[in-house]
């Protein structure tokens, strides 16, 4: 089976080819501009090692940039125009990084020659164009059709959506996916669904089918399903040695379009089974402490100004402490700048509205400012309205981050009475440390529905990485500045 648990083999092959190609581009650049090397004719061993590390590091960083731009996704590297466009973007980012490094670094082995950089840019573009767009693309299409790069696919569901997916994979055979059959709880074994492909059993028989048919990829294709059942199925796939993707309207709420790949005309979203591992959790904690400390230091003048304004705006303490539910249901004291009048947190009407929102009994106008932050506007102080609009009232939670009760990025903590109304699958959103910002903050923030918010949080947990955290933090900045969705 040409696959690993997370990525197919061809993606590793292409990444390795990219590293070698970029190193070759640097070698050509040095050959074209010998004067830079001649200026370092008396090269020491330390210089040689440093230069080798510089070139290798650039090539590895380029791979991460290419990955971020989706250049290892099938629909990108098999379509020439899209591929060339992403290649230009990727090289532009790499060159910008090299320019910044050469400007700030005084290390002798860092390439600071404009001619070398120019030769590298041209060489890298030409070589990658030839190797990626021509040679690898042609080789991949050939091997995919000859089944060397082909992966067996098991489809969950047997409705119209599942048929469309199977038809697309059959018509677009260049993606290298071969459907072995379907699993469905409502149809009998042996029922023909498409082109002779049959129902192989119930969803509960998934593990046996994965082993029997050497399945490398599982596609979840249900049109409609209870969210609790969907979470159960996704958890069932976690321990299986197969890639899991969703080709279904069930996850249309997910906004990170980069995570979407296309099999023919069908968009699919990858589900990373690894989630937040102990190693990632440790790196995330270091990341949180370093950045939270830096933010507190840099923002201290702003924090002081806000504290004075809060104190002058209305009677009461500057900081508001509130019990929140964190990881695995454990409660902690969350810090905020007080934005409402004293006692506003005891608003029983708000609690009833929030309970109805969670239980989906209250119907919201999609064009109105629906919100998980259901508040009585009369309780908000004049300065509080501005603070809430820009989410500046949340800044003291950097202290919660330093205490380890929160992370910079993660699902938002909920109130105890909200937790009491959660269904079991809702509670899984807080199986990790809650965050100061998260995926739904950049997805319309307060305008998404409750179950949409839960789905977004679960998507974050399943795809967690420092790279994703950085991306979400960057996306949060313009949302805060323009105050979109916060109330």
Protein backbone atom coordinates (compact mmCIF):
# COMPACT_ATOMS: atom_id res chain seq x y z
CA UNK A 1 0.00 0.00 0.00
CA UNK A 2 1.61 3.26 -1.14
CA UNK A 3 0.65 5.28 1.91
CA UNK A 4 1.55 6.25 5.46
CA UNK A 5 -1.02 7.11 8.06
CA UNK A 6 -1.00 10.83 7.42
CA UNK A 7 0.35 11.47 3.94
CA UNK A 8 0.60 9.34 0.81
CA UNK A 9 4.12 8.37 -0.28
CA UNK A 10 4.07 10.62 -3.34
CA UNK A 11 3.92 13.71 -1.11
CA UNK A 12 7.10 12.67 0.69
CA UNK A 13 8.73 11.92 -2.67
CA UNK A 14 7.81 15.35 -4.02
CA UNK A 15 9.04 17.07 -0.85
CA UNK A 16 12.39 15.27 -1.13
CA UNK A 17 12.62 16.26 -4.80
CA UNK A 18 11.98 19.90 -3.82
CA UNK A 19 14.82 19.84 -1.27
CA UNK A 20 17.28 18.40 -3.80
CA UNK A 21 16.13 20.81 -6.54
CA UNK A 22 16.55 23.90 -4.36
CA UNK A 23 20.01 22.75 -3.26
CA UNK A 24 20.88 22.27 -6.95
CA UNK A 25 19.60 25.79 -7.69
CA UNK A 26 21.99 27.20 -5.08
CA UNK A 27 24.86 25.21 -6.58
CA UNK A 28 24.08 26.72 -9.99
CA UNK A 29 23.88 30.20 -8.48
CA UNK A 30 27.34 29.77 -6.90
CA UNK A 31 28.69 28.50 -10.23
CA UNK A 32 27.29 31.51 -12.10
CA UNK A 33 28.60 33.99 -9.54
CA UNK A 34 32.03 32.64 -8.60
CA UNK A 35 33.21 35.97 -7.22
CA UNK A 36 31.18 35.56 -4.03
CA UNK A 37 32.89 32.24 -3.31
CA UNK A 38 36.26 33.65 -4.40
CA UNK A 39 35.87 36.38 -1.80
CA UNK A 40 35.73 33.52 0.69
CA UNK A 41 38.59 31.60 -0.93
CA UNK A 42 40.20 30.91 2.40
CA UNK A 43 37.10 29.07 3.52
CA UNK A 44 37.36 27.54 6.95
CA UNK A 45 35.62 24.32 7.90
CA UNK A 46 33.21 26.37 10.01
CA UNK A 47 32.30 28.56 7.01
CA UNK A 48 31.76 25.54 4.76
CA UNK A 49 29.52 23.86 7.34
CA UNK A 50 27.64 27.11 7.92
CA UNK A 51 27.03 27.61 4.20
CA UNK A 52 25.87 24.01 3.82
CA UNK A 53 23.47 24.47 6.74
CA UNK A 54 22.19 27.75 5.25
CA UNK A 55 21.41 26.08 1.92
CA UNK A 56 19.85 23.00 3.55
CA UNK A 57 17.75 25.11 5.94
CA UNK A 58 16.45 27.22 3.06
CA UNK A 59 15.44 24.13 1.13
CA UNK A 60 13.62 22.63 4.12
CA UNK A 61 11.85 25.93 4.91
CA UNK A 62 10.81 26.10 1.25
CA UNK A 63 9.11 22.71 1.62
CA UNK A 64 7.07 24.01 4.58
CA UNK A 65 6.10 27.09 2.58
CA UNK A 66 5.10 24.94 -0.38
CA UNK A 67 3.04 22.76 1.97
CA UNK A 68 1.30 25.84 3.39
CA UNK A 69 0.43 26.94 -0.15
CA UNK A 70 -1.07 23.52 -0.90
CA UNK A 71 1.58 22.58 -3.45
CA UNK A 72 1.53 18.92 -2.37
CA UNK A 73 -2.19 18.58 -3.03
CA UNK A 74 -3.20 16.59 -6.09
CA UNK A 75 -5.44 19.23 -7.63
CA UNK A 76 -2.55 21.72 -7.52
CA UNK A 77 0.32 19.75 -8.98
CA UNK A 78 -1.70 18.06 -11.73
CA UNK A 79 -3.08 21.36 -13.10
CA UNK A 80 -0.34 23.33 -14.84
CA UNK A 81 -1.69 26.89 -14.51
CA UNK A 82 -2.55 26.51 -10.82
CA UNK A 83 0.78 24.80 -10.17
CA UNK A 84 2.86 27.54 -11.82
CA UNK A 85 0.95 30.25 -9.96
CA UNK A 86 1.57 28.62 -6.58
CA UNK A 87 5.22 28.02 -7.51
CA UNK A 88 5.73 31.73 -8.16
CA UNK A 89 4.09 32.57 -4.81
CA UNK A 90 6.18 30.01 -2.96
CA UNK A 91 9.49 31.20 -4.40
CA UNK A 92 8.54 34.82 -3.69
CA UNK A 93 8.05 33.98 -0.01
CA UNK A 94 11.34 32.03 0.09
CA UNK A 95 13.24 34.94 -1.49
CA UNK A 96 11.63 37.42 0.91
CA UNK A 97 12.80 35.29 3.82
CA UNK A 98 16.35 35.09 2.43
CA UNK A 99 16.41 38.88 1.95
CA UNK A 100 15.27 39.52 5.53
CA UNK A 101 17.79 37.03 6.92
CA UNK A 102 20.69 38.50 4.93
CA UNK A 103 19.73 42.02 6.07
CA UNK A 104 19.67 41.23 9.78
CA UNK A 105 22.28 38.46 10.02
CA UNK A 106 25.98 39.25 10.22
CA UNK A 107 27.03 35.61 9.84
CA UNK A 108 29.65 35.27 7.10
CA UNK A 109 28.05 32.17 5.55
CA UNK A 110 24.64 33.84 5.02
CA UNK A 111 24.35 34.63 1.32
CA UNK A 112 24.10 38.43 1.04
CA UNK A 113 25.02 38.78 -2.63
CA UNK A 114 22.19 40.15 -4.77
CA UNK A 115 23.63 38.44 -7.84
CA UNK A 116 23.76 35.05 -6.12
CA UNK A 117 20.17 35.54 -4.94
CA UNK A 118 19.05 36.56 -8.44
CA UNK A 119 20.77 33.56 -10.03
CA UNK A 120 19.21 31.33 -7.37
CA UNK A 121 15.73 32.73 -8.07
CA UNK A 122 16.00 32.08 -11.81
CA UNK A 123 17.62 28.66 -11.35
CA UNK A 124 15.09 27.55 -8.74
CA UNK A 125 12.12 28.62 -10.87
CA UNK A 126 13.41 26.92 -14.02
CA UNK A 127 14.46 23.72 -12.23
CA UNK A 128 11.25 23.45 -10.21
CA UNK A 129 9.21 24.19 -13.32
CA UNK A 130 10.92 21.36 -15.19
CA UNK A 131 11.05 18.88 -12.32
CA UNK A 132 7.65 19.56 -10.74
CA UNK A 133 5.40 20.67 -13.58
CA UNK A 134 6.83 18.43 -16.27
CA UNK A 135 8.76 15.43 -14.94
CA UNK A 136 7.01 14.70 -11.61
CA UNK A 137 3.53 15.52 -12.89
CA UNK A 138 3.98 13.23 -15.89
CA UNK A 139 5.47 10.48 -13.71
CA UNK A 140 2.71 10.76 -11.12
CA UNK A 141 -0.06 10.52 -13.71
CA UNK A 142 1.63 7.49 -15.25
CA UNK A 143 2.18 5.71 -11.92
CA UNK A 144 -1.29 6.58 -10.60
CA UNK A 145 -2.94 4.99 -13.61
CA UNK A 146 -0.64 1.96 -13.39
CA UNK A 147 -1.66 1.49 -9.71
CA UNK A 148 1.87 1.95 -8.32
CA UNK A 149 0.79 5.16 -6.54
CA UNK A 150 -2.81 3.98 -6.31
CA UNK A 151 -4.60 3.79 -2.96
CA UNK A 152 -7.67 1.74 -2.11
CA UNK A 153 -10.55 3.87 -0.88
CA UNK A 154 -13.47 2.89 1.35
CA UNK A 155 -16.51 5.19 1.18
CA UNK A 156 -18.75 5.62 4.25
CA UNK A 157 -22.30 6.22 3.10
CA UNK A 158 -24.13 5.13 -0.04
CA UNK A 159 -26.35 8.09 -0.87
CA UNK A 160 -26.19 10.57 -3.75
CA UNK A 161 -23.12 12.30 -2.31
CA UNK A 162 -21.28 8.97 -2.08
CA UNK A 163 -22.25 8.12 -5.67
CA UNK A 164 -20.96 11.51 -6.87
CA UNK A 165 -17.65 10.92 -5.11
CA UNK A 166 -17.29 7.42 -6.59
CA UNK A 167 -18.14 8.72 -10.08
CA UNK A 168 -15.56 11.51 -9.78
CA UNK A 169 -12.84 9.13 -8.68
CA UNK A 170 -13.72 6.81 -11.56
CA UNK A 171 -13.68 9.60 -14.16
CA UNK A 172 -10.62 11.37 -12.76
CA UNK A 173 -8.39 8.34 -12.39
CA UNK A 174 -5.27 10.54 -12.27
CA UNK A 175 -5.77 11.08 -8.55
CA UNK A 176 -4.72 7.46 -8.01
CA UNK A 177 -7.69 6.42 -5.87
CA UNK A 178 -9.52 3.12 -6.39
CA UNK A 179 -12.88 2.68 -4.66
CA UNK A 180 -13.26 -0.82 -3.18
CA UNK A 181 -16.82 -0.37 -1.94
CA UNK A 182 -19.22 1.34 0.48
CA UNK A 183 -20.28 0.94 4.10
CA UNK A 184 -23.84 1.88 4.99
CA UNK A 185 -26.14 1.03 7.88
CA UNK A 186 -29.37 1.31 5.86
CA UNK A 187 -28.63 -0.94 2.86
CA UNK A 188 -28.10 -4.67 2.57
CA UNK A 189 -24.68 -6.15 1.89
CA UNK A 190 -24.13 -6.61 -1.83
CA UNK A 191 -26.36 -3.71 -2.89
CA UNK A 192 -24.84 -2.23 -6.06
CA UNK A 193 -24.24 1.52 -5.71
CA UNK A 194 -22.14 2.56 -8.70
CA UNK A 195 -20.43 0.82 -11.62
CA UNK A 196 -20.57 -2.59 -9.97
CA UNK A 197 -19.27 -1.31 -6.63
CA UNK A 198 -21.29 -2.68 -3.73
CA UNK A 199 -22.11 -2.16 -0.08
CA UNK A 200 -19.54 -4.23 1.84
CA UNK A 201 -21.19 -4.04 5.24
CA UNK A 202 -22.20 -1.78 8.13
CA UNK A 203 -20.12 1.13 9.41
CA UNK A 204 -19.33 -0.95 12.50
CA UNK A 205 -17.43 -3.35 10.20
CA UNK A 206 -15.04 -0.61 9.05
CA UNK A 207 -11.91 -1.99 10.74
CA UNK A 208 -12.36 -5.43 9.19
CA UNK A 209 -12.90 -3.90 5.74
CA UNK A 210 -9.81 -1.68 6.07
CA UNK A 211 -7.69 -4.75 6.81
CA UNK A 212 -9.36 -7.03 4.26
CA UNK A 213 -9.10 -4.62 1.30
CA UNK A 214 -5.82 -2.96 2.31
CA UNK A 215 -7.59 0.41 2.48
CA UNK A 216 -5.31 3.45 2.43
CA UNK A 217 -8.01 6.12 2.59
CA UNK A 218 -11.46 6.43 4.15
CA UNK A 219 -13.90 9.00 2.72
CA UNK A 220 -16.83 10.05 4.91
CA UNK A 221 -19.62 10.89 2.45
CA UNK A 222 -22.83 11.01 4.48
CA UNK A 223 -25.25 13.78 3.50
CA UNK A 224 -27.01 13.94 6.86
CA UNK A 225 -26.04 12.51 10.20
CA UNK A 226 -26.49 13.21 13.88
CA UNK A 227 -23.39 15.03 15.08
CA UNK A 228 -22.91 12.60 17.95
CA UNK A 229 -22.83 9.71 15.48
CA UNK A 230 -20.39 11.58 13.22
CA UNK A 231 -18.01 12.12 16.14
CA UNK A 232 -18.26 8.42 17.05
CA UNK A 233 -17.34 7.41 13.51
CA UNK A 234 -14.43 9.84 13.38
CA UNK A 235 -13.11 8.54 16.70
CA UNK A 236 -13.45 4.99 15.37
CA UNK A 237 -11.13 5.90 12.48
CA UNK A 238 -8.42 7.38 14.73
CA UNK A 239 -6.61 4.10 15.41
CA UNK A 240 -6.78 2.85 11.83
CA UNK A 241 -3.78 2.89 9.53
CA UNK A 242 -5.62 4.91 6.89
CA UNK A 243 -6.00 8.53 5.86
CA UNK A 244 -9.45 9.91 6.74
CA UNK A 245 -11.13 12.65 4.72
CA UNK A 246 -14.59 14.14 4.58
CA UNK A 247 -16.39 14.75 1.29
CA UNK A 248 -19.70 15.90 2.71
CA UNK A 249 -21.81 19.00 3.45
CA UNK A 250 -21.42 18.05 7.14
CA UNK A 251 -18.27 20.18 7.42
CA UNK A 252 -19.15 23.07 5.11
CA UNK A 253 -18.69 25.48 8.04
CA UNK A 254 -14.91 24.97 8.07
CA UNK A 255 -13.33 28.18 6.70
CA UNK A 256 -9.69 27.20 6.17
CA UNK A 257 -9.87 26.71 2.43
CA UNK A 258 -6.22 25.65 2.29
CA UNK A 259 -7.24 22.46 4.13
CA UNK A 260 -9.53 21.56 1.24
CA UNK A 261 -8.26 19.33 -1.54
CA UNK A 262 -10.14 18.41 -4.71
CA UNK A 263 -10.63 14.94 -6.12
CA UNK A 264 -11.83 15.89 -9.56
CA UNK A 265 -14.65 18.35 -8.83
CA UNK A 266 -15.28 17.05 -5.30
CA UNK A 267 -13.84 19.08 -2.38
CA UNK A 268 -12.51 16.95 0.48
CA UNK A 269 -11.23 17.94 3.91
CA UNK A 270 -8.48 15.96 5.57
CA UNK A 271 -8.90 14.79 9.15
CA UNK A 272 -5.53 14.44 10.88
CA UNK A 273 -5.78 11.57 13.33
CA UNK A 274 -2.80 12.68 15.39
CA UNK A 275 -4.43 15.70 17.07
CA UNK A 276 -2.62 17.25 20.04
CA UNK A 277 0.07 14.75 21.03
CA UNK A 278 2.23 15.09 24.21
CA UNK A 279 5.15 16.37 22.11
CA UNK A 280 3.01 18.97 20.40
CA UNK A 281 1.48 19.92 23.73
CA UNK A 282 4.92 20.60 25.20
CA UNK A 283 5.94 22.74 22.19
CA UNK A 284 2.61 24.55 22.38
CA UNK A 285 3.18 25.33 26.06
CA UNK A 286 6.63 26.79 25.41
CA UNK A 287 5.17 28.80 22.53
CA UNK A 288 2.37 30.10 24.79
CA UNK A 289 4.66 31.16 27.64
CA UNK A 290 7.16 32.95 25.39
CA UNK A 291 4.55 34.83 23.37
CA UNK A 292 2.24 35.63 26.30
CA UNK A 293 5.19 37.11 28.22
CA UNK A 294 6.22 39.15 25.19
CA UNK A 295 2.67 40.40 24.60
CA UNK A 296 2.25 41.44 28.24
CA UNK A 297 5.52 43.36 28.09
CA UNK A 298 4.80 45.06 24.75
CA UNK A 299 1.17 45.84 25.56
CA UNK A 300 1.76 47.06 29.13
CA UNK A 301 1.22 50.77 28.21
CA UNK A 302 -2.08 49.92 26.50
CA UNK A 303 -3.15 47.71 29.42
CA UNK A 304 -2.46 50.57 31.84
CA UNK A 305 -4.51 53.03 29.76
CA UNK A 306 -7.43 50.59 29.53
CA UNK A 307 -7.30 49.98 33.29
CA UNK A 308 -7.59 53.73 33.98
CA UNK A 309 -10.47 54.13 31.50
CA UNK A 310 -12.36 51.18 33.02
CA UNK A 311 -11.92 52.60 36.51
CA UNK A 312 -13.16 56.04 35.47
CA UNK A 313 -16.10 54.77 33.39
CA UNK A 314 -18.14 53.16 36.18
CA UNK A 315 -17.89 51.97 39.80
CA UNK A 316 -16.29 48.58 40.38
CA UNK A 317 -13.04 46.68 39.99
CA UNK A 318 -10.85 47.02 36.89
CA UNK A 319 -10.50 43.27 36.44
CA UNK A 320 -13.52 41.00 36.29
CA UNK A 321 -13.03 37.42 37.50
CA UNK A 322 -15.40 34.75 36.34
CA UNK A 323 -15.59 30.98 36.79
CA UNK A 324 -15.11 29.24 33.46
CA UNK A 325 -14.95 25.59 32.44
CA UNK A 326 -11.61 24.60 30.99
CA UNK A 327 -9.92 21.40 29.93
CA UNK A 328 -11.90 18.24 30.68
CA UNK A 329 -14.52 20.19 32.64
CA UNK A 330 -12.13 21.65 35.22
CA UNK A 331 -13.13 25.12 36.42
CA UNK A 332 -10.78 28.11 36.76
CA UNK A 333 -10.98 31.87 37.30
CA UNK A 334 -10.85 33.76 34.00
CA UNK A 335 -9.61 37.36 33.93
CA UNK A 336 -11.15 40.14 31.82
CA UNK A 337 -11.27 43.90 31.85
CA UNK A 338 -14.69 44.73 33.28
CA UNK A 339 -16.92 45.84 30.41
CA UNK A 340 -20.31 45.57 32.14
CA UNK A 341 -21.86 47.05 35.23
CA UNK A 342 -21.37 45.22 38.51
CA UNK A 343 -23.83 42.33 38.92
CA UNK A 344 -24.65 42.03 35.20
CA UNK A 345 -23.30 38.48 35.18
CA UNK A 346 -26.33 37.35 37.20
CA UNK A 347 -28.74 38.12 34.35
CA UNK A 348 -31.16 35.15 34.40
CA UNK A 349 -32.66 36.08 31.04
CA UNK A 350 -29.23 35.78 29.44
CA UNK A 351 -28.82 32.31 30.94
CA UNK A 352 -32.18 31.23 29.49
CA UNK A 353 -31.25 32.62 26.07
CA UNK A 354 -27.91 30.86 26.13
CA UNK A 355 -29.50 27.55 27.14
CA UNK A 356 -31.96 27.88 24.25
CA UNK A 357 -29.11 28.70 21.88
CA UNK A 358 -27.15 25.59 22.90
CA UNK A 359 -30.21 23.37 22.69
CA UNK A 360 -31.06 24.92 19.30
CA UNK A 361 -34.56 25.83 20.43
CA UNK A 362 -34.11 29.48 19.57
CA UNK A 363 -34.25 30.39 15.90
CA UNK A 364 -31.86 33.13 14.84
CA UNK A 365 -32.08 35.48 11.90
CA UNK A 366 -28.93 34.72 9.86
CA UNK A 367 -28.79 38.38 8.80
CA UNK A 368 -28.90 39.61 12.36
CA UNK A 369 -25.97 39.79 14.76
CA UNK A 370 -26.62 36.37 16.28
CA UNK A 371 -24.15 35.65 18.96
CA UNK A 372 -22.81 33.14 21.39
CA UNK A 373 -22.24 36.29 23.47
CA UNK A 374 -25.89 36.99 24.23
CA UNK A 375 -25.90 40.17 26.29
CA UNK A 376 -28.19 42.93 27.52
CA UNK A 377 -26.78 46.08 25.90
CA UNK A 378 -27.99 48.23 28.82
CA UNK A 379 -25.53 46.42 31.11
CA UNK A 380 -22.50 47.37 29.01
CA UNK A 381 -20.49 50.41 30.14
CA UNK A 382 -19.57 53.14 27.61
CA UNK A 383 -15.91 52.07 27.54
CA UNK A 384 -17.00 48.43 27.70
CA UNK A 385 -18.80 48.66 24.37
CA UNK A 386 -15.57 49.74 22.70
CA UNK A 387 -13.50 47.12 24.55
CA UNK A 388 -15.87 44.33 23.56
CA UNK A 389 -16.03 45.51 19.96
CA UNK A 390 -12.24 45.15 19.61
CA UNK A 391 -12.00 42.23 22.08
CA UNK A 392 -9.55 44.24 24.18
CA UNK A 393 -11.43 43.13 27.29
CA UNK A 394 -9.90 39.68 26.71
CA UNK A 395 -6.25 40.81 27.01
CA UNK A 396 -5.91 40.02 30.76
CA UNK A 397 -6.39 36.36 29.81
CA UNK A 398 -2.70 36.43 28.91
CA UNK A 399 -2.30 35.93 32.67
CA UNK A 400 -4.42 32.78 32.42
CA UNK A 401 -2.12 31.63 29.62
CA UNK A 402 0.95 32.10 31.83
CA UNK A 403 -0.78 30.16 34.62
CA UNK A 404 -1.39 27.25 32.23
CA UNK A 405 -5.18 27.49 32.50
CA UNK A 406 -5.47 28.71 28.91
CA UNK A 407 -3.52 28.67 25.67
CA UNK A 408 -3.11 31.45 23.12
CA UNK A 409 -5.10 29.40 20.60
CA UNK A 410 -7.81 26.86 21.33
CA UNK A 411 -11.55 26.44 21.90
CA UNK A 412 -13.02 29.20 24.06
CA UNK A 413 -13.82 28.23 27.68
CA UNK A 414 -17.51 28.14 28.56
CA UNK A 415 -19.51 29.16 31.61
CA UNK A 416 -20.53 26.47 34.14
CA UNK A 417 -24.26 26.77 33.36
CA UNK A 418 -23.48 26.45 29.65
CA UNK A 419 -21.49 23.26 30.35
CA UNK A 420 -24.54 21.84 32.13
CA UNK A 421 -26.52 22.10 28.87
CA UNK A 422 -23.80 20.51 26.71
CA UNK A 423 -24.41 17.13 25.13
CA UNK A 424 -21.57 14.62 25.45
CA UNK A 425 -20.21 15.35 21.97
CA UNK A 426 -20.25 19.09 22.72
CA UNK A 427 -17.95 18.52 25.71
CA UNK A 428 -15.25 17.11 23.44
CA UNK A 429 -14.44 20.65 22.32
CA UNK A 430 -12.89 21.16 25.76
CA UNK A 431 -10.80 18.00 25.73
CA UNK A 432 -7.84 20.37 25.24
CA UNK A 433 -6.68 23.55 26.96
CA UNK A 434 -9.03 26.42 26.03
CA UNK A 435 -7.65 29.39 24.14
CA UNK A 436 -7.70 33.17 24.03
CA UNK A 437 -8.56 32.99 20.34
CA UNK A 438 -9.63 30.11 18.13
CA UNK A 439 -10.86 28.93 14.79
CA UNK A 440 -14.40 30.29 15.13
CA UNK A 441 -13.08 33.77 15.96
CA UNK A 442 -11.83 34.02 12.38
CA UNK A 443 -14.99 32.42 10.97
CA UNK A 444 -17.48 35.16 11.64
CA UNK A 445 -16.76 34.97 15.38
CA UNK A 446 -20.05 35.48 17.23
CA UNK A 447 -22.16 35.00 14.10
CA UNK A 448 -21.74 31.22 13.80
CA UNK A 449 -24.32 28.88 15.33
CA UNK A 450 -23.49 26.81 18.41
CA UNK A 451 -23.09 23.42 16.73
CA UNK A 452 -21.08 25.09 13.96
CA UNK A 453 -18.80 26.43 16.69
CA UNK A 454 -18.38 22.95 18.18
CA UNK A 455 -17.55 21.48 14.76
CA UNK A 456 -14.96 24.19 14.17
CA UNK A 457 -13.35 23.49 17.54
CA UNK A 458 -13.24 19.75 16.88
CA UNK A 459 -11.69 20.43 13.48
CA UNK A 460 -9.03 22.51 15.22
CA UNK A 461 -8.29 19.74 17.74
CA UNK A 462 -7.93 17.13 14.99
CA UNK A 463 -5.64 19.38 12.92
CA UNK A 464 -3.70 21.01 15.77
CA UNK A 465 -0.18 22.27 15.07
CA UNK A 466 1.96 25.30 15.88
CA UNK A 467 1.71 26.24 12.22
CA UNK A 468 -2.09 26.34 12.47
CA UNK A 469 -1.88 28.30 15.75
CA UNK A 470 0.30 30.96 14.13
CA UNK A 471 -2.03 31.16 11.16
CA UNK A 472 -5.10 31.61 13.37
CA UNK A 473 -3.34 34.26 15.47
CA UNK A 474 -2.43 36.21 12.33
CA UNK A 475 -6.02 35.93 11.06
CA UNK A 476 -7.33 37.15 14.43
CA UNK A 477 -5.55 40.51 14.18
CA UNK A 478 -7.64 42.05 11.36
CA UNK A 479 -10.79 40.57 12.90
CA UNK A 480 -9.97 42.37 16.17
CA UNK A 481 -9.07 45.63 14.43
CA UNK A 482 -12.33 45.77 12.50
CA UNK A 483 -14.34 44.28 15.37
CA UNK A 484 -16.17 41.82 13.15
CA UNK A 485 -18.57 39.61 15.06
CA UNK A 486 -17.67 40.58 18.63
CA UNK A 487 -20.35 42.02 20.81
